[in-house]
Amino acid sequence: MLDVAMIERALEKPGKTKGGLARAMGVRPGAVSEILGGQRLIKAAEIPLITEYLDLNSVPVMGRVGAGSVIEPDYEQVPVEGLGEVALPFPISEETIAFEVSGDSMLPKYENGDVIVVYREQRHPLSSFYGEEAIVRLKTGERYLKTIERGKSPSVVNLKSFNAKPIVGVKLEWIGEIFVTLPRGQIQRIRAKAAAKSRSRSSK
């Protein structure tokens, strides 16, 4: 959901200005200040223009997450800017990061190459995730996409897959609550569309 707070934060990025945003929207310069001040509403047709200029639909891909296979290195070893970005078809909060699924243990719901967008920070206690699918990082550093189940004690969990043996009695360092899942085919179409748009611009 696009809101004023997202626009204000995005305007703090290097090279992003109110004037540049106004030009991208095709409106007079004062219109942006009016939006930020609450005197003017954002029109539906302006949302994609604002999103594109301010890069509000880009999420850093922080690596791969195992759906069967073990994925390393640790989350902390990934560069701050991530391993690349994926552009979503809608604006998204800066509080999110993404991982690419590697493996087939969560078929048919998650396929190899799908992208899972999660909240960067764990927002709820472990017990609230019992029975839910999430991206997790173990105390030992491995990352998985699994269903979290209660373990034998409050400090450990069992990680279950749709078609692989469970991982029993492990401790979690972090839980990435799933915000949205993008199937591999959709990701490919989004990237192809972005590449075509880039080629069109460079040919002008």
N, C-alpha and C. Protein backbone atom coordinates (compact mmCIF):
# COMPACT_ATOMS: atom_id res chain seq x y z
N MET A 1 0.84 -1.19 0.00
CA MET A 1 0.00 0.00 0.00
C MET A 1 0.88 1.24 0.00
N LEU A 2 0.67 2.12 -0.95
CA LEU A 2 1.47 3.34 -1.06
C LEU A 2 0.91 4.40 -0.12
N ASP A 3 1.79 4.96 0.72
CA ASP A 3 1.35 6.03 1.61
C ASP A 3 2.39 7.13 1.65
N VAL A 4 2.06 8.23 2.33
CA VAL A 4 2.93 9.41 2.37
C VAL A 4 4.26 9.08 3.05
N ALA A 5 4.22 8.27 4.11
CA ALA A 5 5.45 7.93 4.82
C ALA A 5 6.44 7.21 3.91
N MET A 6 5.94 6.31 3.06
CA MET A 6 6.81 5.61 2.12
C MET A 6 7.45 6.59 1.14
N ILE A 7 6.66 7.54 0.66
CA ILE A 7 7.18 8.53 -0.29
C ILE A 7 8.24 9.41 0.36
N GLU A 8 7.97 9.84 1.60
CA GLU A 8 8.93 10.70 2.31
C GLU A 8 10.25 9.98 2.52
N ARG A 9 10.20 8.72 2.92
CA ARG A 9 11.45 7.96 3.12
C ARG A 9 12.19 7.77 1.81
N ALA A 10 11.44 7.49 0.75
CA ALA A 10 12.07 7.26 -0.55
C ALA A 10 12.72 8.52 -1.10
N LEU A 11 12.16 9.67 -0.80
CA LEU A 11 12.73 10.95 -1.27
C LEU A 11 14.05 11.27 -0.59
N GLU A 12 14.39 10.55 0.47
CA GLU A 12 15.68 10.74 1.13
C GLU A 12 16.80 9.99 0.43
N LYS A 13 16.45 9.13 -0.52
CA LYS A 13 17.46 8.39 -1.27
C LYS A 13 18.25 9.34 -2.16
N PRO A 14 19.53 9.06 -2.38
CA PRO A 14 20.35 9.90 -3.27
C PRO A 14 19.72 10.01 -4.66
N GLY A 15 19.65 11.23 -5.18
CA GLY A 15 19.15 11.45 -6.53
C GLY A 15 17.64 11.55 -6.65
N LYS A 16 16.92 11.36 -5.55
CA LYS A 16 15.46 11.44 -5.60
C LYS A 16 15.02 12.79 -5.02
N THR A 17 14.25 13.53 -5.78
CA THR A 17 13.80 14.86 -5.36
C THR A 17 12.31 15.04 -5.62
N LYS A 18 11.74 16.04 -4.97
CA LYS A 18 10.33 16.36 -5.22
C LYS A 18 10.13 16.79 -6.67
N GLY A 19 11.07 17.58 -7.18
CA GLY A 19 10.97 18.04 -8.56
C GLY A 19 11.03 16.88 -9.54
N GLY A 20 11.95 15.96 -9.29
CA GLY A 20 12.05 14.79 -10.16
C GLY A 20 10.80 13.93 -10.10
N LEU A 21 10.24 13.81 -8.91
CA LEU A 21 9.01 13.03 -8.77
C LEU A 21 7.86 13.71 -9.51
N ALA A 22 7.78 15.03 -9.40
CA ALA A 22 6.71 15.77 -10.10
C ALA A 22 6.81 15.57 -11.61
N ARG A 23 8.04 15.62 -12.12
CA ARG A 23 8.24 15.42 -13.58
C ARG A 23 7.83 14.00 -13.98
N ALA A 24 8.19 13.02 -13.15
CA ALA A 24 7.82 11.64 -13.45
C ALA A 24 6.31 11.44 -13.45
N MET A 25 5.63 12.20 -12.58
CA MET A 25 4.17 12.09 -12.47
C MET A 25 3.46 12.94 -13.52
N GLY A 26 4.19 13.90 -14.12
CA GLY A 26 3.58 14.79 -15.08
C GLY A 26 2.68 15.83 -14.44
N VAL A 27 3.08 16.28 -13.23
CA VAL A 27 2.28 17.28 -12.51
C VAL A 27 3.16 18.48 -12.18
N ARG A 28 2.54 19.58 -11.75
CA ARG A 28 3.30 20.76 -11.35
C ARG A 28 4.07 20.45 -10.06
N PRO A 29 5.21 21.10 -9.83
CA PRO A 29 6.06 20.80 -8.68
C PRO A 29 5.34 20.87 -7.34
N GLY A 30 4.42 21.83 -7.19
CA GLY A 30 3.73 21.98 -5.91
C GLY A 30 2.82 20.82 -5.56
N ALA A 31 2.45 20.01 -6.54
CA ALA A 31 1.53 18.90 -6.29
C ALA A 31 2.14 17.87 -5.35
N VAL A 32 3.44 17.65 -5.45
CA VAL A 32 4.11 16.68 -4.58
C VAL A 32 4.07 17.16 -3.13
N SER A 33 4.35 18.44 -2.91
CA SER A 33 4.28 18.99 -1.56
C SER A 33 2.86 18.89 -1.00
N GLU A 34 1.88 19.07 -1.86
CA GLU A 34 0.48 18.96 -1.41
C GLU A 34 0.15 17.52 -1.00
N ILE A 35 0.69 16.55 -1.74
CA ILE A 35 0.47 15.15 -1.38
C ILE A 35 1.11 14.85 -0.03
N LEU A 36 2.34 15.33 0.16
CA LEU A 36 3.05 15.07 1.40
C LEU A 36 2.39 15.79 2.58
N GLY A 37 1.77 16.91 2.30
CA GLY A 37 1.12 17.67 3.36
C GLY A 37 -0.32 17.26 3.63
N GLY A 38 -0.83 16.34 2.83
CA GLY A 38 -2.19 15.85 3.03
C GLY A 38 -3.27 16.68 2.36
N GLN A 39 -2.86 17.68 1.54
CA GLN A 39 -3.86 18.51 0.87
C GLN A 39 -4.36 17.90 -0.45
N ARG A 40 -3.64 16.89 -0.92
CA ARG A 40 -4.00 16.29 -2.21
C ARG A 40 -3.88 14.79 -2.12
N LEU A 41 -4.83 14.07 -2.67
CA LEU A 41 -4.79 12.62 -2.69
C LEU A 41 -4.02 12.12 -3.91
N ILE A 42 -3.43 10.95 -3.78
CA ILE A 42 -2.74 10.33 -4.90
C ILE A 42 -3.77 9.67 -5.81
N LYS A 43 -3.69 9.96 -7.08
CA LYS A 43 -4.61 9.36 -8.05
C LYS A 43 -4.14 7.96 -8.40
N ALA A 44 -5.08 7.10 -8.74
CA ALA A 44 -4.75 5.70 -9.04
C ALA A 44 -3.72 5.61 -10.17
N ALA A 45 -3.87 6.46 -11.19
CA ALA A 45 -2.96 6.42 -12.33
C ALA A 45 -1.55 6.87 -11.97
N GLU A 46 -1.41 7.58 -10.84
CA GLU A 46 -0.10 8.09 -10.43
C GLU A 46 0.70 7.09 -9.63
N ILE A 47 0.03 6.07 -9.08
CA ILE A 47 0.72 5.10 -8.22
C ILE A 47 1.89 4.41 -8.94
N PRO A 48 1.69 3.85 -10.16
CA PRO A 48 2.83 3.21 -10.82
C PRO A 48 3.95 4.19 -11.18
N LEU A 49 3.60 5.45 -11.47
CA LEU A 49 4.62 6.45 -11.79
C LEU A 49 5.46 6.78 -10.56
N ILE A 50 4.81 6.95 -9.42
CA ILE A 50 5.52 7.21 -8.17
C ILE A 50 6.37 6.00 -7.79
N THR A 51 5.78 4.82 -7.91
CA THR A 51 6.48 3.58 -7.54
C THR A 51 7.75 3.40 -8.36
N GLU A 52 7.65 3.66 -9.67
CA GLU A 52 8.81 3.47 -10.54
C GLU A 52 9.90 4.49 -10.26
N TYR A 53 9.53 5.77 -10.12
CA TYR A 53 10.55 6.80 -9.90
C TYR A 53 11.27 6.60 -8.58
N LEU A 54 10.55 6.23 -7.54
CA LEU A 54 11.14 6.11 -6.21
C LEU A 54 11.63 4.69 -5.89
N ASP A 55 11.52 3.78 -6.86
CA ASP A 55 11.94 2.38 -6.67
C ASP A 55 11.27 1.75 -5.46
N LEU A 56 10.00 1.99 -5.31
CA LEU A 56 9.27 1.48 -4.15
C LEU A 56 8.86 0.02 -4.29
N ASN A 57 9.12 -0.56 -5.45
CA ASN A 57 8.74 -1.96 -5.64
C ASN A 57 9.95 -2.88 -5.69
N SER A 58 11.12 -2.37 -5.32
CA SER A 58 12.34 -3.19 -5.36
C SER A 58 12.63 -3.78 -3.99
N VAL A 59 12.88 -5.08 -3.95
CA VAL A 59 13.20 -5.78 -2.70
C VAL A 59 14.54 -6.47 -2.87
N PRO A 60 15.48 -6.30 -1.92
CA PRO A 60 16.76 -6.98 -2.04
C PRO A 60 16.64 -8.48 -1.84
N VAL A 61 17.26 -9.24 -2.71
CA VAL A 61 17.30 -10.70 -2.57
C VAL A 61 18.53 -11.04 -1.74
N MET A 62 18.31 -11.56 -0.53
CA MET A 62 19.40 -11.78 0.41
C MET A 62 20.03 -13.16 0.28
N GLY A 63 19.68 -13.90 -0.77
CA GLY A 63 20.27 -15.21 -0.98
C GLY A 63 19.20 -16.24 -1.28
N ARG A 64 19.59 -17.50 -1.15
CA ARG A 64 18.66 -18.60 -1.40
C ARG A 64 18.27 -19.25 -0.08
N VAL A 65 17.11 -19.85 -0.08
CA VAL A 65 16.63 -20.54 1.11
C VAL A 65 16.30 -21.97 0.75
N GLY A 66 16.74 -22.91 1.59
CA GLY A 66 16.61 -24.31 1.26
C GLY A 66 15.22 -24.86 1.48
N ALA A 67 14.69 -25.51 0.47
CA ALA A 67 13.46 -26.29 0.60
C ALA A 67 13.87 -27.73 0.33
N GLY A 68 14.69 -28.25 1.23
CA GLY A 68 15.27 -29.58 1.06
C GLY A 68 16.77 -29.52 1.23
N SER A 69 17.42 -28.67 0.46
CA SER A 69 18.87 -28.54 0.55
C SER A 69 19.25 -27.56 1.65
N VAL A 70 20.48 -27.66 2.13
CA VAL A 70 20.98 -26.75 3.14
C VAL A 70 21.59 -25.55 2.45
N ILE A 71 21.23 -24.35 2.88
CA ILE A 71 21.73 -23.14 2.25
C ILE A 71 22.61 -22.37 3.23
N GLU A 72 23.82 -22.10 2.80
CA GLU A 72 24.73 -21.24 3.53
C GLU A 72 25.29 -20.25 2.50
N PRO A 73 25.92 -19.13 2.82
CA PRO A 73 26.43 -18.76 4.13
C PRO A 73 25.36 -18.19 5.04
N ASP A 74 25.79 -17.78 6.22
CA ASP A 74 24.86 -17.17 7.17
C ASP A 74 24.31 -15.88 6.62
N TYR A 75 23.17 -15.50 7.12
CA TYR A 75 22.51 -14.26 6.73
C TYR A 75 23.46 -13.07 6.89
N GLU A 76 24.23 -13.05 7.99
CA GLU A 76 25.10 -11.91 8.26
C GLU A 76 26.22 -11.76 7.24
N GLN A 77 26.55 -12.82 6.51
CA GLN A 77 27.64 -12.75 5.55
C GLN A 77 27.21 -12.21 4.19
N VAL A 78 25.93 -12.00 4.02
CA VAL A 78 25.42 -11.45 2.77
C VAL A 78 25.63 -9.93 2.77
N PRO A 79 26.07 -9.33 1.67
CA PRO A 79 26.24 -7.87 1.63
C PRO A 79 24.97 -7.15 2.02
N VAL A 80 25.13 -5.97 2.62
CA VAL A 80 23.98 -5.20 3.09
C VAL A 80 22.98 -4.96 1.96
N GLU A 81 23.49 -4.71 0.75
CA GLU A 81 22.60 -4.42 -0.37
C GLU A 81 22.00 -5.67 -0.97
N GLY A 82 22.38 -6.85 -0.45
CA GLY A 82 21.81 -8.08 -0.95
C GLY A 82 22.57 -8.62 -2.16
N LEU A 83 22.01 -9.65 -2.78
CA LEU A 83 22.64 -10.29 -3.93
C LEU A 83 21.98 -9.88 -5.24
N GLY A 84 21.19 -8.84 -5.18
CA GLY A 84 20.43 -8.37 -6.33
C GLY A 84 19.08 -7.90 -5.85
N GLU A 85 18.22 -7.58 -6.77
CA GLU A 85 16.89 -7.12 -6.41
C GLU A 85 15.83 -7.78 -7.29
N VAL A 86 14.64 -7.82 -6.78
CA VAL A 86 13.50 -8.25 -7.58
C VAL A 86 12.49 -7.11 -7.53
N ALA A 87 11.95 -6.77 -8.69
CA ALA A 87 10.96 -5.70 -8.78
C ALA A 87 9.57 -6.31 -8.75
N LEU A 88 8.78 -5.90 -7.78
CA LEU A 88 7.42 -6.43 -7.64
C LEU A 88 6.44 -5.57 -8.43
N PRO A 89 5.25 -6.10 -8.72
CA PRO A 89 4.26 -5.34 -9.49
C PRO A 89 3.44 -4.39 -8.61
N PHE A 90 3.95 -4.06 -7.42
CA PHE A 90 3.24 -3.15 -6.52
C PHE A 90 4.25 -2.57 -5.53
N PRO A 91 3.96 -1.40 -4.93
CA PRO A 91 4.86 -0.83 -3.93
C PRO A 91 4.89 -1.70 -2.68
N ILE A 92 6.05 -1.71 -2.00
CA ILE A 92 6.19 -2.59 -0.85
C ILE A 92 7.04 -1.91 0.21
N SER A 93 6.82 -2.28 1.44
CA SER A 93 7.52 -1.69 2.57
C SER A 93 9.01 -1.97 2.52
N GLU A 94 9.80 -1.01 3.01
CA GLU A 94 11.25 -1.19 3.09
C GLU A 94 11.63 -2.21 4.17
N GLU A 95 10.67 -2.64 4.95
CA GLU A 95 10.94 -3.59 6.03
C GLU A 95 10.99 -5.03 5.53
N THR A 96 11.02 -5.22 4.22
CA THR A 96 10.99 -6.57 3.66
C THR A 96 12.28 -6.90 2.91
N ILE A 97 12.58 -8.19 2.86
CA ILE A 97 13.69 -8.74 2.07
C ILE A 97 13.16 -9.98 1.37
N ALA A 98 13.93 -10.51 0.43
CA ALA A 98 13.46 -11.66 -0.34
C ALA A 98 14.51 -12.76 -0.39
N PHE A 99 14.03 -13.97 -0.60
CA PHE A 99 14.90 -15.13 -0.78
C PHE A 99 14.36 -15.96 -1.95
N GLU A 100 15.28 -16.58 -2.65
CA GLU A 100 14.89 -17.47 -3.75
C GLU A 100 14.89 -18.91 -3.25
N VAL A 101 13.84 -19.64 -3.57
CA VAL A 101 13.71 -21.02 -3.11
C VAL A 101 14.65 -21.94 -3.89
N SER A 102 15.35 -22.80 -3.17
CA SER A 102 16.22 -23.79 -3.79
C SER A 102 15.85 -25.16 -3.23
N GLY A 103 15.43 -26.06 -4.10
CA GLY A 103 15.03 -27.40 -3.66
C GLY A 103 13.56 -27.66 -3.92
N ASP A 104 13.14 -28.89 -3.65
CA ASP A 104 11.77 -29.28 -4.00
C ASP A 104 11.00 -29.92 -2.85
N SER A 105 11.49 -29.77 -1.60
CA SER A 105 10.83 -30.46 -0.49
C SER A 105 9.50 -29.83 -0.11
N MET A 106 9.21 -28.60 -0.63
CA MET A 106 7.95 -27.94 -0.30
C MET A 106 6.99 -27.94 -1.48
N LEU A 107 7.27 -28.77 -2.48
CA LEU A 107 6.32 -28.96 -3.57
C LEU A 107 5.05 -29.59 -3.02
N PRO A 108 3.87 -29.29 -3.57
CA PRO A 108 3.64 -28.48 -4.78
C PRO A 108 3.43 -26.99 -4.50
N LYS A 109 3.47 -26.58 -3.23
CA LYS A 109 3.15 -25.19 -2.91
C LYS A 109 4.26 -24.24 -3.31
N TYR A 110 5.52 -24.64 -3.09
CA TYR A 110 6.66 -23.80 -3.43
C TYR A 110 7.58 -24.57 -4.37
N GLU A 111 7.95 -23.93 -5.48
CA GLU A 111 8.81 -24.57 -6.47
C GLU A 111 10.20 -23.95 -6.45
N ASN A 112 11.15 -24.71 -6.93
CA ASN A 112 12.52 -24.21 -7.08
C ASN A 112 12.50 -22.97 -7.97
N GLY A 113 13.06 -21.86 -7.49
CA GLY A 113 13.08 -20.62 -8.26
C GLY A 113 12.02 -19.62 -7.85
N ASP A 114 11.04 -20.02 -7.04
CA ASP A 114 10.08 -19.06 -6.51
C ASP A 114 10.81 -18.05 -5.62
N VAL A 115 10.24 -16.86 -5.49
CA VAL A 115 10.82 -15.84 -4.61
C VAL A 115 9.85 -15.59 -3.45
N ILE A 116 10.38 -15.66 -2.23
CA ILE A 116 9.58 -15.45 -1.03
C ILE A 116 9.99 -14.12 -0.40
N VAL A 117 9.03 -13.22 -0.26
CA VAL A 117 9.29 -11.93 0.38
C VAL A 117 8.85 -12.03 1.84
N VAL A 118 9.77 -11.68 2.75
CA VAL A 118 9.48 -11.79 4.18
C VAL A 118 9.82 -10.47 4.88
N TYR A 119 9.32 -10.33 6.10
CA TYR A 119 9.68 -9.16 6.91
C TYR A 119 11.12 -9.32 7.40
N ARG A 120 11.87 -8.23 7.32
CA ARG A 120 13.30 -8.25 7.67
C ARG A 120 13.51 -8.63 9.14
N GLU A 121 12.70 -8.08 10.01
CA GLU A 121 12.83 -8.34 11.44
C GLU A 121 11.72 -9.28 11.90
N GLN A 122 12.05 -10.16 12.84
CA GLN A 122 11.04 -11.04 13.40
C GLN A 122 10.11 -10.22 14.28
N ARG A 123 8.82 -10.25 13.97
CA ARG A 123 7.88 -9.36 14.62
C ARG A 123 7.06 -10.02 15.72
N HIS A 124 7.12 -11.37 15.82
CA HIS A 124 6.30 -12.07 16.80
C HIS A 124 7.11 -13.17 17.47
N PRO A 125 6.69 -13.61 18.66
CA PRO A 125 7.43 -14.68 19.35
C PRO A 125 7.32 -16.01 18.62
N LEU A 126 8.25 -16.89 18.93
CA LEU A 126 8.32 -18.20 18.28
C LEU A 126 7.00 -18.95 18.35
N SER A 127 6.36 -18.95 19.51
CA SER A 127 5.15 -19.75 19.69
C SER A 127 4.02 -19.36 18.74
N SER A 128 4.03 -18.12 18.27
CA SER A 128 2.95 -17.67 17.37
C SER A 128 3.10 -18.24 15.96
N PHE A 129 4.26 -18.86 15.66
CA PHE A 129 4.51 -19.40 14.32
C PHE A 129 4.26 -20.90 14.24
N TYR A 130 3.89 -21.54 15.35
CA TYR A 130 3.66 -22.98 15.29
C TYR A 130 2.56 -23.29 14.27
N GLY A 131 2.86 -24.22 13.37
CA GLY A 131 1.90 -24.61 12.34
C GLY A 131 1.97 -23.77 11.09
N GLU A 132 2.83 -22.75 11.07
CA GLU A 132 2.93 -21.86 9.91
C GLU A 132 4.21 -22.13 9.12
N GLU A 133 4.13 -21.82 7.83
CA GLU A 133 5.32 -21.87 6.97
C GLU A 133 6.07 -20.55 7.12
N ALA A 134 7.39 -20.62 7.12
CA ALA A 134 8.21 -19.42 7.25
C ALA A 134 9.62 -19.74 6.78
N ILE A 135 10.37 -18.69 6.53
CA ILE A 135 11.79 -18.85 6.29
C ILE A 135 12.48 -18.75 7.65
N VAL A 136 13.34 -19.70 7.95
CA VAL A 136 14.00 -19.71 9.26
C VAL A 136 15.51 -19.79 9.09
N ARG A 137 16.21 -19.25 10.08
CA ARG A 137 17.66 -19.42 10.14
C ARG A 137 17.98 -20.11 11.45
N LEU A 138 18.68 -21.23 11.38
CA LEU A 138 19.04 -21.99 12.55
C LEU A 138 20.19 -21.31 13.30
N LYS A 139 20.34 -21.67 14.56
CA LYS A 139 21.47 -21.16 15.35
C LYS A 139 22.80 -21.52 14.69
N THR A 140 22.81 -22.62 13.95
CA THR A 140 24.02 -23.07 13.27
C THR A 140 24.22 -22.41 11.91
N GLY A 141 23.27 -21.55 11.48
CA GLY A 141 23.48 -20.74 10.29
C GLY A 141 22.72 -21.15 9.05
N GLU A 142 22.21 -22.39 8.99
CA GLU A 142 21.49 -22.82 7.78
C GLU A 142 20.14 -22.13 7.67
N ARG A 143 19.70 -21.93 6.43
CA ARG A 143 18.40 -21.32 6.17
C ARG A 143 17.49 -22.32 5.47
N TYR A 144 16.22 -22.31 5.88
CA TYR A 144 15.26 -23.22 5.29
C TYR A 144 13.91 -22.52 5.10
N LEU A 145 13.13 -23.06 4.19
CA LEU A 145 11.71 -22.74 4.07
C LEU A 145 10.97 -23.97 4.55
N LYS A 146 10.34 -23.87 5.72
CA LYS A 146 9.71 -25.04 6.35
C LYS A 146 8.46 -24.63 7.12
N THR A 147 7.72 -25.64 7.55
CA THR A 147 6.61 -25.44 8.49
C THR A 147 7.16 -25.64 9.90
N ILE A 148 6.92 -24.68 10.77
CA ILE A 148 7.45 -24.72 12.12
C ILE A 148 6.48 -25.47 13.03
N GLU A 149 6.98 -26.48 13.72
CA GLU A 149 6.16 -27.24 14.66
C GLU A 149 6.81 -27.20 16.04
N ARG A 150 5.98 -27.30 17.08
CA ARG A 150 6.46 -27.29 18.45
C ARG A 150 7.43 -28.46 18.70
N GLY A 151 8.53 -28.19 19.38
CA GLY A 151 9.48 -29.23 19.70
C GLY A 151 9.24 -29.82 21.08
N LYS A 152 10.19 -30.62 21.57
CA LYS A 152 10.03 -31.28 22.87
C LYS A 152 10.15 -30.31 24.03
N SER A 153 10.78 -29.17 23.78
CA SER A 153 10.91 -28.14 24.81
C SER A 153 10.64 -26.79 24.16
N PRO A 154 10.37 -25.75 24.96
CA PRO A 154 10.07 -24.43 24.39
C PRO A 154 11.19 -23.82 23.57
N SER A 155 12.42 -24.31 23.74
CA SER A 155 13.56 -23.69 23.06
C SER A 155 13.90 -24.35 21.73
N VAL A 156 13.23 -25.45 21.38
CA VAL A 156 13.53 -26.14 20.12
C VAL A 156 12.26 -26.34 19.31
N VAL A 157 12.43 -26.54 18.02
CA VAL A 157 11.30 -26.78 17.13
C VAL A 157 11.62 -27.93 16.20
N ASN A 158 10.58 -28.42 15.55
CA ASN A 158 10.73 -29.37 14.46
C ASN A 158 10.34 -28.66 13.18
N LEU A 159 11.09 -28.87 12.12
CA LEU A 159 10.82 -28.23 10.84
C LEU A 159 10.33 -29.29 9.86
N LYS A 160 9.10 -29.11 9.37
CA LYS A 160 8.49 -30.11 8.51
C LYS A 160 8.37 -29.63 7.07
N SER A 161 8.46 -30.58 6.15
CA SER A 161 8.29 -30.33 4.72
C SER A 161 7.09 -31.11 4.22
N PHE A 162 6.68 -30.81 3.00
CA PHE A 162 5.57 -31.54 2.41
C PHE A 162 6.00 -32.94 1.96
N ASN A 163 7.25 -33.07 1.52
CA ASN A 163 7.68 -34.36 0.97
C ASN A 163 9.14 -34.67 1.29
N ALA A 164 9.56 -34.37 2.51
CA ALA A 164 10.91 -34.72 2.95
C ALA A 164 10.86 -34.99 4.45
N LYS A 165 11.87 -35.66 4.96
CA LYS A 165 11.91 -35.97 6.38
C LYS A 165 12.00 -34.69 7.20
N PRO A 166 11.35 -34.65 8.37
CA PRO A 166 11.43 -33.46 9.21
C PRO A 166 12.81 -33.28 9.82
N ILE A 167 13.12 -32.06 10.14
CA ILE A 167 14.34 -31.73 10.87
C ILE A 167 13.91 -31.54 12.32
N VAL A 168 14.40 -32.37 13.20
CA VAL A 168 13.86 -32.45 14.56
C VAL A 168 14.81 -31.83 15.58
N GLY A 169 14.23 -31.09 16.53
CA GLY A 169 14.96 -30.61 17.69
C GLY A 169 16.03 -29.58 17.39
N VAL A 170 15.69 -28.55 16.63
CA VAL A 170 16.68 -27.51 16.30
C VAL A 170 16.28 -26.19 16.94
N LYS A 171 17.27 -25.33 17.15
CA LYS A 171 17.03 -24.01 17.70
C LYS A 171 17.11 -22.96 16.59
N LEU A 172 16.20 -21.99 16.65
CA LEU A 172 16.12 -20.98 15.61
C LEU A 172 16.76 -19.67 16.06
N GLU A 173 17.45 -19.03 15.13
CA GLU A 173 18.04 -17.71 15.36
C GLU A 173 17.09 -16.61 14.90
N TRP A 174 16.34 -16.90 13.84
CA TRP A 174 15.49 -15.88 13.22
C TRP A 174 14.37 -16.54 12.44
N ILE A 175 13.20 -15.89 12.44
CA ILE A 175 12.06 -16.35 11.65
C ILE A 175 11.62 -15.24 10.72
N GLY A 176 11.58 -15.52 9.43
CA GLY A 176 11.13 -14.55 8.44
C GLY A 176 9.68 -14.80 8.11
N GLU A 177 8.81 -13.95 8.65
CA GLU A 177 7.38 -14.08 8.39
C GLU A 177 7.08 -13.77 6.93
N ILE A 178 6.37 -14.66 6.26
CA ILE A 178 6.11 -14.51 4.82
C ILE A 178 5.12 -13.39 4.57
N PHE A 179 5.51 -12.47 3.68
CA PHE A 179 4.64 -11.36 3.27
C PHE A 179 3.92 -11.70 1.98
N VAL A 180 4.68 -12.19 1.00
CA VAL A 180 4.09 -12.55 -0.28
C VAL A 180 5.02 -13.55 -0.97
N THR A 181 4.42 -14.42 -1.79
CA THR A 181 5.19 -15.39 -2.57
C THR A 181 4.99 -15.09 -4.05
N LEU A 182 6.10 -15.05 -4.79
CA LEU A 182 6.04 -14.82 -6.22
C LEU A 182 6.51 -16.07 -6.96
N PRO A 183 5.62 -16.73 -7.70
CA PRO A 183 6.01 -17.92 -8.44
C PRO A 183 7.10 -17.62 -9.47
N ARG A 184 7.90 -18.62 -9.75
CA ARG A 184 9.03 -18.46 -10.68
C ARG A 184 8.59 -17.89 -12.03
N GLY A 185 7.47 -18.37 -12.55
CA GLY A 185 6.99 -17.89 -13.84
C GLY A 185 6.65 -16.41 -13.81
N GLN A 186 6.05 -15.96 -12.71
CA GLN A 186 5.71 -14.55 -12.59
C GLN A 186 6.96 -13.69 -12.51
N ILE A 187 7.97 -14.17 -11.77
CA ILE A 187 9.24 -13.46 -11.68
C ILE A 187 9.87 -13.30 -13.06
N GLN A 188 9.83 -14.36 -13.84
CA GLN A 188 10.42 -14.31 -15.18
C GLN A 188 9.70 -13.30 -16.06
N ARG A 189 8.36 -13.25 -15.94
CA ARG A 189 7.59 -12.29 -16.75
C ARG A 189 7.88 -10.85 -16.31
N ILE A 190 8.00 -10.62 -15.00
CA ILE A 190 8.29 -9.28 -14.49
C ILE A 190 9.66 -8.82 -14.99
N ARG A 191 10.65 -9.71 -14.92
CA ARG A 191 12.00 -9.36 -15.36
C ARG A 191 12.04 -9.11 -16.86
N ALA A 192 11.31 -9.91 -17.62
CA ALA A 192 11.27 -9.72 -19.07
C ALA A 192 10.63 -8.38 -19.42
N LYS A 193 9.59 -8.02 -18.71
CA LYS A 193 8.92 -6.74 -18.95
C LYS A 193 9.84 -5.57 -18.61
N ALA A 194 10.58 -5.70 -17.49
CA ALA A 194 11.51 -4.64 -17.09
C ALA A 194 12.64 -4.50 -18.10
N ALA A 195 13.13 -5.65 -18.62
CA ALA A 195 14.21 -5.61 -19.61
C ALA A 195 13.73 -4.95 -20.90
N ALA A 196 12.49 -5.26 -21.32
CA ALA A 196 11.94 -4.67 -22.53
C ALA A 196 11.77 -3.17 -22.37
N LYS A 197 11.35 -2.73 -21.18
CA LYS A 197 11.18 -1.31 -20.92
C LYS A 197 12.54 -0.60 -20.95
N SER A 198 13.56 -1.26 -20.40
CA SER A 198 14.91 -0.69 -20.39
C SER A 198 15.44 -0.53 -21.80
N ARG A 199 15.20 -1.56 -22.65
CA ARG A 199 15.66 -1.49 -24.04
C ARG A 199 14.93 -0.38 -24.79
N SER A 200 13.65 -0.21 -24.51
CA SER A 200 12.88 0.84 -25.16
C SER A 200 13.40 2.22 -24.82
N ARG A 201 13.78 2.40 -23.55
CA ARG A 201 14.31 3.69 -23.13
C ARG A 201 15.66 3.97 -23.78
N SER A 202 16.52 2.95 -23.84
CA SER A 202 17.86 3.16 -24.39
C SER A 202 17.84 3.41 -25.89
N SER A 203 16.78 3.00 -26.57
CA SER A 203 16.68 3.19 -28.01
C SER A 203 16.17 4.56 -28.40
N LYS A 204 15.67 5.30 -27.38
CA LYS A 204 15.11 6.62 -27.68
C LYS A 204 16.21 7.68 -27.77
